[in-house]
């Protein structure tokens, strides 16, 4: 069974692939762009819930003083992507330069966020949390992910 960090990294890789397909997609293929954007929105929604409900609280609790700022930075990045960039991208005409620009910004923000987690947060979490704790978090996250997928 994968631990919490392995699950989150798998999600990062999946979303990176979808974002690459979106930014590389043909301006004229509205159906493809609609499908990719829907998949990205759903994947990010689930991933964000897993982090905010399960992983981040455990990370923060492990050492509030050391991890507080990183926790809040990550939460703010979630807010920007979910509440601002995704809606702007969804509202843009799929054939427009506006859509391409929004998709590029979405990709850059998500890639930056994932990189920060992988290079800064996850190594700190591996030090602050035991292997057993990470495995237990992974188990909880897998269960919650199934619930969220079923609700979409």
N, C-alpha and C. Protein backbone atom coordinates (compact mmCIF):
# COMPACT_ATOMS: atom_id res chain seq x y z
N UNK A 1 0.84 -1.19 0.00
CA UNK A 1 0.00 0.00 0.00
C UNK A 1 0.88 1.25 0.00
N UNK A 2 0.60 2.18 -0.89
CA UNK A 2 1.42 3.40 -0.95
C UNK A 2 1.19 4.29 0.27
N UNK A 3 2.24 5.00 0.65
CA UNK A 3 2.07 5.94 1.75
C UNK A 3 1.50 7.26 1.22
N UNK A 4 1.22 8.19 2.11
CA UNK A 4 0.58 9.45 1.75
C UNK A 4 1.38 10.22 0.70
N UNK A 5 2.68 10.28 0.87
CA UNK A 5 3.51 11.04 -0.06
C UNK A 5 3.52 10.39 -1.44
N UNK A 6 3.61 9.09 -1.48
CA UNK A 6 3.58 8.38 -2.77
C UNK A 6 2.26 8.63 -3.50
N UNK A 7 1.16 8.62 -2.77
CA UNK A 7 -0.14 8.89 -3.39
C UNK A 7 -0.21 10.30 -3.96
N UNK A 8 0.27 11.26 -3.20
CA UNK A 8 0.24 12.65 -3.66
C UNK A 8 1.15 12.85 -4.87
N UNK A 9 2.30 12.19 -4.88
CA UNK A 9 3.21 12.30 -6.04
C UNK A 9 2.59 11.66 -7.28
N UNK A 10 1.86 10.56 -7.10
CA UNK A 10 1.16 9.94 -8.24
C UNK A 10 0.13 10.92 -8.81
N UNK A 11 -0.61 11.59 -7.93
CA UNK A 11 -1.57 12.59 -8.37
C UNK A 11 -0.88 13.72 -9.13
N UNK A 12 0.24 14.18 -8.60
CA UNK A 12 0.99 15.25 -9.27
C UNK A 12 1.35 14.84 -10.69
N UNK A 13 1.87 13.63 -10.84
CA UNK A 13 2.28 13.16 -12.16
C UNK A 13 1.09 13.07 -13.12
N UNK A 14 -0.03 12.59 -12.62
CA UNK A 14 -1.23 12.47 -13.46
C UNK A 14 -1.70 13.85 -13.92
N UNK A 15 -1.77 14.80 -13.00
CA UNK A 15 -2.24 16.15 -13.35
C UNK A 15 -1.25 16.85 -14.27
N UNK A 16 0.04 16.66 -14.04
CA UNK A 16 1.04 17.25 -14.94
C UNK A 16 0.82 16.76 -16.37
N UNK A 17 0.57 15.47 -16.52
CA UNK A 17 0.32 14.90 -17.84
C UNK A 17 -0.92 15.50 -18.49
N UNK A 18 -1.99 15.63 -17.72
CA UNK A 18 -3.23 16.22 -18.26
C UNK A 18 -3.02 17.69 -18.63
N UNK A 19 -2.31 18.42 -17.81
CA UNK A 19 -2.04 19.83 -18.11
C UNK A 19 -1.17 19.99 -19.35
N UNK A 20 -0.22 19.11 -19.53
CA UNK A 20 0.61 19.15 -20.74
C UNK A 20 -0.25 18.91 -21.97
N UNK A 21 -1.13 17.92 -21.89
CA UNK A 21 -2.04 17.66 -23.02
C UNK A 21 -2.92 18.87 -23.30
N UNK A 22 -3.40 19.52 -22.24
CA UNK A 22 -4.26 20.69 -22.42
C UNK A 22 -3.51 21.83 -23.09
N UNK A 23 -2.32 22.15 -22.59
CA UNK A 23 -1.57 23.27 -23.17
C UNK A 23 -1.04 22.95 -24.56
N UNK A 24 -0.87 21.67 -24.87
CA UNK A 24 -0.41 21.27 -26.20
C UNK A 24 -1.57 21.06 -27.17
N UNK A 25 -2.81 21.11 -26.68
CA UNK A 25 -3.97 20.79 -27.52
C UNK A 25 -4.20 21.84 -28.59
N UNK A 26 -4.88 21.41 -29.63
CA UNK A 26 -5.20 22.24 -30.79
C UNK A 26 -6.33 23.22 -30.42
N UNK A 27 -6.13 24.48 -30.76
CA UNK A 27 -7.14 25.51 -30.48
C UNK A 27 -8.51 25.16 -31.05
N UNK A 28 -8.56 24.41 -32.12
CA UNK A 28 -9.82 24.11 -32.78
C UNK A 28 -10.56 22.94 -32.18
N UNK A 29 -9.94 22.19 -31.30
CA UNK A 29 -10.58 21.00 -30.76
C UNK A 29 -11.23 21.30 -29.41
N UNK A 30 -12.41 21.90 -29.48
CA UNK A 30 -13.12 22.30 -28.27
C UNK A 30 -13.51 21.11 -27.42
N UNK A 31 -13.94 20.02 -28.04
CA UNK A 31 -14.36 18.84 -27.28
C UNK A 31 -13.19 18.27 -26.46
N UNK A 32 -12.01 18.16 -27.07
CA UNK A 32 -10.84 17.65 -26.35
C UNK A 32 -10.50 18.56 -25.18
N UNK A 33 -10.53 19.86 -25.43
CA UNK A 33 -10.20 20.81 -24.36
C UNK A 33 -11.22 20.75 -23.23
N UNK A 34 -12.51 20.61 -23.58
CA UNK A 34 -13.54 20.47 -22.55
C UNK A 34 -13.29 19.25 -21.68
N UNK A 35 -13.01 18.11 -22.33
CA UNK A 35 -12.78 16.87 -21.60
C UNK A 35 -11.55 16.95 -20.71
N UNK A 36 -10.48 17.50 -21.24
CA UNK A 36 -9.25 17.63 -20.45
C UNK A 36 -9.45 18.56 -19.26
N UNK A 37 -10.13 19.67 -19.50
CA UNK A 37 -10.35 20.64 -18.42
C UNK A 37 -11.23 20.02 -17.32
N UNK A 38 -12.23 19.25 -17.71
CA UNK A 38 -13.09 18.59 -16.72
C UNK A 38 -12.27 17.58 -15.90
N UNK A 39 -11.44 16.79 -16.57
CA UNK A 39 -10.60 15.82 -15.86
C UNK A 39 -9.65 16.54 -14.89
N UNK A 40 -9.03 17.61 -15.37
CA UNK A 40 -8.10 18.38 -14.53
C UNK A 40 -8.81 18.95 -13.32
N UNK A 41 -9.97 19.57 -13.55
CA UNK A 41 -10.74 20.15 -12.44
C UNK A 41 -11.08 19.07 -11.40
N UNK A 42 -11.55 17.92 -11.86
CA UNK A 42 -11.92 16.84 -10.93
C UNK A 42 -10.71 16.30 -10.19
N UNK A 43 -9.61 16.07 -10.91
CA UNK A 43 -8.40 15.56 -10.26
C UNK A 43 -7.87 16.55 -9.23
N UNK A 44 -7.86 17.82 -9.58
CA UNK A 44 -7.37 18.83 -8.63
C UNK A 44 -8.30 18.97 -7.44
N UNK A 45 -9.59 18.87 -7.67
CA UNK A 45 -10.56 18.95 -6.57
C UNK A 45 -10.31 17.82 -5.56
N UNK A 46 -10.19 16.62 -6.06
CA UNK A 46 -9.96 15.47 -5.18
C UNK A 46 -8.62 15.60 -4.46
N UNK A 47 -7.59 15.92 -5.22
CA UNK A 47 -6.24 16.06 -4.65
C UNK A 47 -6.22 17.13 -3.55
N UNK A 48 -6.84 18.25 -3.83
CA UNK A 48 -6.88 19.35 -2.86
C UNK A 48 -7.60 18.93 -1.59
N UNK A 49 -8.73 18.24 -1.74
CA UNK A 49 -9.46 17.77 -0.55
C UNK A 49 -8.60 16.82 0.28
N UNK A 50 -7.89 15.91 -0.38
CA UNK A 50 -7.03 14.96 0.35
C UNK A 50 -5.95 15.70 1.13
N UNK A 51 -5.35 16.68 0.48
CA UNK A 51 -4.30 17.44 1.17
C UNK A 51 -4.87 18.25 2.32
N UNK A 52 -5.95 18.97 2.07
CA UNK A 52 -6.49 19.88 3.08
C UNK A 52 -7.17 19.15 4.23
N UNK A 53 -7.80 18.03 3.96
CA UNK A 53 -8.52 17.31 5.00
C UNK A 53 -7.62 16.35 5.79
N UNK A 54 -6.62 15.78 5.14
CA UNK A 54 -5.86 14.71 5.79
C UNK A 54 -4.36 15.02 5.90
N UNK A 55 -3.70 15.26 4.76
CA UNK A 55 -2.25 15.38 4.80
C UNK A 55 -1.76 16.66 5.47
N UNK A 56 -2.25 17.81 5.05
CA UNK A 56 -1.76 19.07 5.62
C UNK A 56 -1.97 19.16 7.13
N UNK A 57 -3.16 18.80 7.64
CA UNK A 57 -3.30 18.88 9.11
C UNK A 57 -2.28 18.00 9.85
N UNK A 58 -2.02 16.81 9.34
CA UNK A 58 -1.03 15.93 9.98
C UNK A 58 0.36 16.53 9.89
N UNK A 59 0.70 17.10 8.75
CA UNK A 59 2.00 17.74 8.55
C UNK A 59 2.15 18.92 9.51
N UNK A 60 1.14 19.74 9.57
CA UNK A 60 1.19 20.92 10.43
C UNK A 60 1.25 20.53 11.90
N UNK A 61 0.47 19.55 12.28
CA UNK A 61 0.44 19.09 13.67
C UNK A 61 1.79 18.52 14.11
N UNK A 62 2.51 17.91 13.17
CA UNK A 62 3.80 17.30 13.51
C UNK A 62 4.79 18.34 14.02
N UNK A 63 4.69 19.57 13.54
CA UNK A 63 5.56 20.65 14.02
C UNK A 63 5.00 21.98 13.53
N UNK A 64 4.06 22.51 14.28
CA UNK A 64 3.37 23.76 13.91
C UNK A 64 4.35 24.89 13.63
N UNK A 65 5.33 25.04 14.49
CA UNK A 65 6.27 26.16 14.36
C UNK A 65 7.07 26.06 13.06
N UNK A 66 7.55 24.88 12.76
CA UNK A 66 8.38 24.69 11.57
C UNK A 66 7.57 24.63 10.28
N UNK A 67 6.32 24.19 10.37
CA UNK A 67 5.56 23.92 9.14
C UNK A 67 4.41 24.89 8.89
N UNK A 68 4.15 25.79 9.80
CA UNK A 68 3.01 26.69 9.67
C UNK A 68 2.99 27.54 8.42
N UNK A 69 4.11 28.16 8.09
CA UNK A 69 4.15 29.04 6.92
C UNK A 69 3.96 28.24 5.63
N UNK A 70 4.62 27.10 5.53
CA UNK A 70 4.49 26.25 4.34
C UNK A 70 3.05 25.77 4.18
N UNK A 71 2.42 25.43 5.29
CA UNK A 71 1.02 25.02 5.29
C UNK A 71 0.14 26.13 4.71
N UNK A 72 0.29 27.34 5.22
CA UNK A 72 -0.55 28.46 4.76
C UNK A 72 -0.27 28.83 3.31
N UNK A 73 0.98 28.77 2.89
CA UNK A 73 1.33 29.04 1.50
C UNK A 73 0.63 28.04 0.58
N UNK A 74 0.66 26.78 0.95
CA UNK A 74 0.03 25.74 0.13
C UNK A 74 -1.48 25.92 0.07
N UNK A 75 -2.08 26.27 1.18
CA UNK A 75 -3.53 26.50 1.21
C UNK A 75 -3.90 27.67 0.29
N UNK A 76 -3.11 28.72 0.31
CA UNK A 76 -3.39 29.89 -0.52
C UNK A 76 -3.25 29.54 -2.01
N UNK A 77 -2.26 28.74 -2.33
CA UNK A 77 -2.09 28.31 -3.73
C UNK A 77 -3.30 27.48 -4.18
N UNK A 78 -3.83 26.64 -3.32
CA UNK A 78 -5.05 25.89 -3.66
C UNK A 78 -6.19 26.86 -3.97
N UNK A 79 -6.35 27.85 -3.12
CA UNK A 79 -7.41 28.84 -3.29
C UNK A 79 -7.28 29.55 -4.64
N UNK A 80 -6.09 29.97 -4.99
CA UNK A 80 -5.88 30.69 -6.25
C UNK A 80 -6.25 29.80 -7.44
N UNK A 81 -5.81 28.57 -7.42
CA UNK A 81 -6.08 27.66 -8.55
C UNK A 81 -7.57 27.32 -8.62
N UNK A 82 -8.14 26.88 -7.51
CA UNK A 82 -9.53 26.40 -7.55
C UNK A 82 -10.57 27.51 -7.69
N UNK A 83 -10.33 28.65 -7.05
CA UNK A 83 -11.35 29.70 -7.01
C UNK A 83 -11.16 30.80 -8.05
N UNK A 84 -9.98 30.85 -8.65
CA UNK A 84 -9.72 31.92 -9.60
C UNK A 84 -9.33 31.41 -10.99
N UNK A 85 -8.26 30.64 -11.07
CA UNK A 85 -7.72 30.27 -12.37
C UNK A 85 -8.59 29.25 -13.08
N UNK A 86 -9.04 28.22 -12.39
CA UNK A 86 -9.90 27.23 -13.05
C UNK A 86 -11.20 27.87 -13.54
N UNK A 87 -11.91 28.65 -12.72
CA UNK A 87 -13.13 29.29 -13.24
C UNK A 87 -12.86 30.20 -14.44
N UNK A 88 -11.78 30.96 -14.41
CA UNK A 88 -11.44 31.81 -15.56
C UNK A 88 -11.19 30.97 -16.80
N UNK A 89 -10.50 29.86 -16.63
CA UNK A 89 -10.21 28.97 -17.76
C UNK A 89 -11.50 28.36 -18.29
N UNK A 90 -12.37 27.93 -17.40
CA UNK A 90 -13.65 27.33 -17.82
C UNK A 90 -14.53 28.34 -18.54
N UNK A 91 -14.44 29.61 -18.16
CA UNK A 91 -15.28 30.65 -18.78
C UNK A 91 -14.77 31.10 -20.14
N UNK A 92 -13.52 30.83 -20.44
CA UNK A 92 -12.92 31.30 -21.70
C UNK A 92 -13.35 30.42 -22.87
N UNK A 93 -13.49 31.07 -24.03
CA UNK A 93 -13.79 30.35 -25.28
C UNK A 93 -12.62 29.42 -25.58
N UNK A 94 -12.91 28.15 -25.76
CA UNK A 94 -11.88 27.12 -25.95
C UNK A 94 -10.99 27.37 -27.16
N UNK A 95 -11.44 28.18 -28.09
CA UNK A 95 -10.67 28.46 -29.31
C UNK A 95 -9.86 29.75 -29.20
N UNK A 96 -9.93 30.41 -28.05
CA UNK A 96 -9.34 31.74 -27.92
C UNK A 96 -7.93 31.73 -27.34
N UNK A 97 -7.26 32.85 -27.57
CA UNK A 97 -5.94 33.07 -26.97
C UNK A 97 -6.10 33.19 -25.45
N UNK A 98 -7.25 33.70 -25.00
CA UNK A 98 -7.52 33.81 -23.56
C UNK A 98 -7.48 32.43 -22.91
N UNK A 99 -8.13 31.45 -23.54
CA UNK A 99 -8.12 30.10 -23.00
C UNK A 99 -6.70 29.55 -22.94
N UNK A 100 -5.96 29.71 -24.02
CA UNK A 100 -4.58 29.22 -24.05
C UNK A 100 -3.74 29.86 -22.94
N UNK A 101 -3.94 31.16 -22.73
CA UNK A 101 -3.22 31.87 -21.68
C UNK A 101 -3.61 31.37 -20.30
N UNK A 102 -4.90 31.19 -20.07
CA UNK A 102 -5.37 30.67 -18.78
C UNK A 102 -4.84 29.26 -18.52
N UNK A 103 -4.88 28.43 -19.56
CA UNK A 103 -4.39 27.05 -19.42
C UNK A 103 -2.91 27.04 -19.08
N UNK A 104 -2.15 27.94 -19.70
CA UNK A 104 -0.71 28.02 -19.42
C UNK A 104 -0.47 28.46 -17.97
N UNK A 105 -1.21 29.45 -17.51
CA UNK A 105 -1.06 29.91 -16.13
C UNK A 105 -1.45 28.80 -15.15
N UNK A 106 -2.53 28.09 -15.46
CA UNK A 106 -2.95 26.97 -14.62
C UNK A 106 -1.83 25.94 -14.52
N UNK A 107 -1.27 25.59 -15.66
CA UNK A 107 -0.19 24.60 -15.67
C UNK A 107 1.01 25.09 -14.84
N UNK A 108 1.40 26.34 -15.04
CA UNK A 108 2.56 26.87 -14.32
C UNK A 108 2.33 26.90 -12.81
N UNK A 109 1.14 27.31 -12.40
CA UNK A 109 0.83 27.36 -10.96
C UNK A 109 0.83 25.97 -10.34
N UNK A 110 0.19 25.02 -11.02
CA UNK A 110 0.12 23.66 -10.48
C UNK A 110 1.51 23.04 -10.44
N UNK A 111 2.29 23.23 -11.50
CA UNK A 111 3.65 22.67 -11.51
C UNK A 111 4.52 23.29 -10.42
N UNK A 112 4.39 24.59 -10.20
CA UNK A 112 5.14 25.27 -9.13
C UNK A 112 4.74 24.70 -7.77
N UNK A 113 3.44 24.57 -7.56
CA UNK A 113 2.92 24.05 -6.29
C UNK A 113 3.42 22.62 -6.04
N UNK A 114 3.31 21.77 -7.05
CA UNK A 114 3.75 20.38 -6.91
C UNK A 114 5.25 20.31 -6.63
N UNK A 115 6.02 21.13 -7.33
CA UNK A 115 7.47 21.15 -7.12
C UNK A 115 7.81 21.58 -5.69
N UNK A 116 7.13 22.62 -5.19
CA UNK A 116 7.36 23.06 -3.81
C UNK A 116 7.06 21.94 -2.82
N UNK A 117 5.96 21.23 -3.05
CA UNK A 117 5.62 20.14 -2.15
C UNK A 117 6.68 19.04 -2.22
N UNK A 118 7.05 18.66 -3.43
CA UNK A 118 7.99 17.55 -3.61
C UNK A 118 9.39 17.87 -3.10
N UNK A 119 9.81 19.13 -3.25
CA UNK A 119 11.17 19.50 -2.86
C UNK A 119 11.29 20.04 -1.44
N UNK A 120 10.18 20.57 -0.90
CA UNK A 120 10.27 21.18 0.42
C UNK A 120 9.36 20.49 1.45
N UNK A 121 8.08 20.39 1.13
CA UNK A 121 7.14 19.85 2.12
C UNK A 121 7.34 18.35 2.36
N UNK A 122 7.42 17.57 1.30
CA UNK A 122 7.50 16.12 1.47
C UNK A 122 8.76 15.67 2.21
N UNK A 123 9.93 16.24 1.90
CA UNK A 123 11.11 15.86 2.70
C UNK A 123 10.94 16.21 4.19
N UNK A 124 10.32 17.35 4.47
CA UNK A 124 10.08 17.73 5.87
C UNK A 124 9.08 16.78 6.51
N UNK A 125 8.06 16.37 5.74
CA UNK A 125 7.06 15.44 6.27
C UNK A 125 7.69 14.09 6.57
N UNK A 126 8.62 13.66 5.73
CA UNK A 126 9.29 12.37 5.96
C UNK A 126 10.11 12.40 7.25
N UNK A 127 10.60 13.57 7.62
CA UNK A 127 11.35 13.71 8.87
C UNK A 127 10.43 13.86 10.07
N UNK A 128 9.31 14.54 9.87
CA UNK A 128 8.42 14.85 10.99
C UNK A 128 7.45 13.72 11.31
N UNK A 129 7.12 12.89 10.32
CA UNK A 129 6.15 11.82 10.50
C UNK A 129 6.84 10.46 10.35
N UNK A 130 6.40 9.50 11.12
CA UNK A 130 6.99 8.17 11.02
C UNK A 130 6.49 7.46 9.77
N UNK A 131 7.18 6.40 9.40
CA UNK A 131 6.77 5.58 8.26
C UNK A 131 5.34 5.07 8.49
N UNK A 132 5.07 4.64 9.70
CA UNK A 132 3.74 4.12 10.03
C UNK A 132 2.68 5.22 9.89
N UNK A 133 2.98 6.42 10.36
CA UNK A 133 2.03 7.52 10.23
C UNK A 133 1.75 7.83 8.76
N UNK A 134 2.80 7.84 7.94
CA UNK A 134 2.62 8.11 6.51
C UNK A 134 1.78 7.02 5.84
N UNK A 135 1.97 5.77 6.27
CA UNK A 135 1.17 4.67 5.72
C UNK A 135 -0.29 4.79 6.16
N UNK A 136 -0.52 5.14 7.43
CA UNK A 136 -1.89 5.33 7.91
C UNK A 136 -2.57 6.49 7.19
N UNK A 137 -1.84 7.57 6.98
CA UNK A 137 -2.40 8.69 6.22
C UNK A 137 -2.73 8.25 4.80
N UNK A 138 -1.84 7.46 4.20
CA UNK A 138 -2.08 6.96 2.84
C UNK A 138 -3.34 6.12 2.77
N UNK A 139 -3.56 5.30 3.77
CA UNK A 139 -4.76 4.46 3.81
C UNK A 139 -6.02 5.32 3.92
N UNK A 140 -5.98 6.30 4.80
CA UNK A 140 -7.12 7.22 4.93
C UNK A 140 -7.37 7.99 3.64
N UNK A 141 -6.29 8.41 3.01
CA UNK A 141 -6.41 9.17 1.77
C UNK A 141 -7.00 8.31 0.65
N UNK A 142 -6.59 7.06 0.56
CA UNK A 142 -7.15 6.17 -0.47
C UNK A 142 -8.65 6.00 -0.29
N UNK A 143 -9.08 5.81 0.95
CA UNK A 143 -10.52 5.66 1.23
C UNK A 143 -11.27 6.93 0.87
N UNK A 144 -10.73 8.06 1.28
CA UNK A 144 -11.40 9.34 1.00
C UNK A 144 -11.42 9.62 -0.50
N UNK A 145 -10.35 9.26 -1.18
CA UNK A 145 -10.30 9.48 -2.63
C UNK A 145 -11.42 8.71 -3.33
N UNK A 146 -11.65 7.49 -2.91
CA UNK A 146 -12.74 6.68 -3.50
C UNK A 146 -14.09 7.35 -3.25
N UNK A 147 -14.31 7.85 -2.03
CA UNK A 147 -15.55 8.56 -1.73
C UNK A 147 -15.74 9.77 -2.65
N UNK A 148 -14.68 10.56 -2.80
CA UNK A 148 -14.76 11.76 -3.62
C UNK A 148 -14.97 11.41 -5.09
N UNK A 149 -14.31 10.39 -5.58
CA UNK A 149 -14.49 9.97 -6.97
C UNK A 149 -15.92 9.52 -7.21
N UNK A 150 -16.49 8.81 -6.25
CA UNK A 150 -17.87 8.33 -6.38
C UNK A 150 -18.88 9.47 -6.35
N UNK A 151 -18.51 10.59 -5.73
CA UNK A 151 -19.43 11.71 -5.60
C UNK A 151 -19.42 12.63 -6.82
N UNK A 152 -18.46 12.44 -7.73
CA UNK A 152 -18.38 13.32 -8.91
C UNK A 152 -19.30 12.83 -10.03
